[in-house]
Amino acid sequence: MVKFRQLFSFQQKEIDAAFKNSKPKGSIAGLKLLISQPSSKPQHGKLLIITPKASGKANQRNLLRRRIKSIYYEEKLYTKPIIAILLVYKEAPKLSFEELKNFLSKNLK
């Protein structure tokens, strides 16, 4: 079983390579998803969540990150060995848990 923390931790080289090789996968109001194939063959996928200050107050950003991580782990979206980059915009805190779940499930399965 994969440890929760491993799914969301990155080194700077991994982030640079992921952005260099990323392609858009899907978007809705407030979220944009990029997909990248990792340079090595990992056993599980990873998710990088980028939430700038413009996307809301700290408690809103933290709630959004916790929800996204929960969905990613509970729905086992890490089974595909890809790196997913989720860009968050200021409309994102208005999304419900179900909307987030539908968006991530549809684009990462």
Protein backbone atom coordinates (compact mmCIF):
# COMPACT_ATOMS: atom_id res chain seq x y z
CA MET A 1 0.00 0.00 0.00
CA VAL A 2 1.22 3.45 -0.87
CA LYS A 3 1.77 5.92 1.94
CA PHE A 4 -0.42 9.02 1.75
CA ARG A 5 2.48 11.45 2.00
CA GLN A 6 4.35 9.90 -0.96
CA LEU A 7 1.50 10.77 -3.31
CA PHE A 8 1.90 14.52 -2.78
CA SER A 9 5.64 15.08 -2.13
CA PHE A 10 7.96 16.22 -4.90
CA GLN A 11 11.54 17.26 -5.44
CA GLN A 12 12.24 20.37 -7.49
CA LYS A 13 13.68 18.30 -10.37
CA GLU A 14 10.45 16.29 -10.56
CA ILE A 15 8.36 19.46 -10.68
CA ASP A 16 10.49 21.02 -13.42
CA ALA A 17 10.35 17.86 -15.54
CA ALA A 18 6.60 17.50 -15.00
CA PHE A 19 5.87 21.04 -16.18
CA LYS A 20 8.21 20.64 -19.15
CA ASN A 21 6.40 17.50 -20.40
CA SER A 22 2.84 18.36 -19.33
CA LYS A 23 -0.22 18.43 -21.54
CA PRO A 24 -3.67 19.82 -20.65
CA LYS A 25 -6.19 17.15 -19.71
CA GLY A 26 -9.27 19.03 -18.54
CA SER A 27 -10.57 22.19 -16.94
CA ILE A 28 -13.61 23.66 -15.25
CA ALA A 29 -14.22 27.07 -13.69
CA GLY A 30 -11.46 27.43 -11.12
CA LEU A 31 -9.41 24.32 -11.94
CA LYS A 32 -7.06 23.24 -14.71
CA LEU A 33 -5.53 19.76 -14.87
CA LEU A 34 -2.22 18.99 -16.57
CA ILE A 35 -0.88 15.46 -17.08
CA SER A 36 2.76 14.48 -17.42
CA GLN A 37 4.50 11.16 -17.93
CA PRO A 38 7.31 10.72 -15.36
CA SER A 39 10.87 10.20 -16.58
CA SER A 40 11.30 7.02 -14.51
CA LYS A 41 8.75 4.24 -14.08
CA PRO A 42 7.10 4.80 -10.69
CA GLN A 43 4.75 2.27 -9.11
CA HIS A 44 2.08 4.89 -8.42
CA GLY A 45 0.90 8.28 -9.60
CA LYS A 46 1.40 11.63 -7.90
CA LEU A 47 -0.60 14.84 -7.61
CA LEU A 48 0.83 18.35 -7.39
CA ILE A 49 -1.68 20.98 -6.25
CA ILE A 50 -0.81 24.62 -6.88
CA THR A 51 -2.95 27.11 -4.94
CA PRO A 52 -1.82 30.74 -5.23
CA LYS A 53 -2.89 33.41 -2.73
CA ALA A 54 -5.28 34.84 -5.31
CA SER A 55 -7.41 31.70 -4.99
CA GLY A 56 -8.76 32.71 -1.57
CA LYS A 57 -7.92 33.06 2.09
CA ALA A 58 -5.61 30.54 3.73
CA ASN A 59 -8.43 28.55 5.32
CA GLN A 60 -10.22 28.28 1.94
CA ARG A 61 -7.04 27.16 0.17
CA ASN A 62 -6.29 24.59 2.88
CA LEU A 63 -9.84 23.21 2.78
CA LEU A 64 -9.64 22.87 -1.00
CA ARG A 65 -6.27 21.08 -0.81
CA ARG A 66 -7.54 18.70 1.88
CA ARG A 67 -10.61 17.87 -0.18
CA ILE A 68 -8.61 17.25 -3.34
CA LYS A 69 -6.09 15.04 -1.53
CA SER A 70 -8.90 13.09 0.11
CA ILE A 71 -10.61 12.44 -3.22
CA TYR A 72 -7.33 11.44 -4.87
CA TYR A 73 -6.54 8.92 -2.13
CA GLU A 74 -10.00 7.50 -1.41
CA GLU A 75 -10.90 7.03 -5.09
CA LYS A 76 -7.49 5.39 -5.70
CA LEU A 77 -6.69 7.77 -8.55
CA TYR A 78 -2.98 7.12 -7.93
CA THR A 79 -3.09 3.70 -9.60
CA LYS A 80 -2.05 5.15 -12.98
CA PRO A 81 1.69 5.97 -12.94
CA ILE A 82 1.35 9.61 -14.06
CA ILE A 83 2.07 12.98 -12.55
CA ALA A 84 -1.03 15.16 -12.37
CA ILE A 85 -0.69 18.92 -11.84
CA LEU A 86 -3.78 20.74 -10.61
CA LEU A 87 -3.76 24.51 -11.04
CA VAL A 88 -6.25 26.29 -8.80
CA TYR A 89 -7.80 29.67 -9.62
CA LYS A 90 -9.94 32.11 -7.62
CA GLU A 91 -13.26 30.48 -8.64
CA ALA A 92 -12.25 27.10 -7.17
CA PRO A 93 -13.33 27.64 -3.51
CA LYS A 94 -16.93 27.91 -4.75
CA LEU A 95 -16.85 24.30 -6.02
CA SER A 96 -18.58 21.67 -3.93
CA PHE A 97 -17.01 18.39 -2.86
CA GLU A 98 -19.14 16.49 -5.41
CA GLU A 99 -18.06 18.79 -8.26
CA LEU A 100 -14.41 18.27 -7.33
CA LYS A 101 -14.92 14.51 -7.09
CA ASN A 102 -16.62 14.31 -10.49
CA PHE A 103 -13.94 16.43 -12.18
CA LEU A 104 -11.01 14.48 -10.76
CA SER A 105 -12.60 11.05 -11.26
CA LYS A 106 -13.52 11.81 -14.86
CA ASN A 107 -10.10 13.14 -15.82
CA LEU A 108 -7.80 10.81 -13.87
CA LYS A 109 -9.42 7.38 -14.38
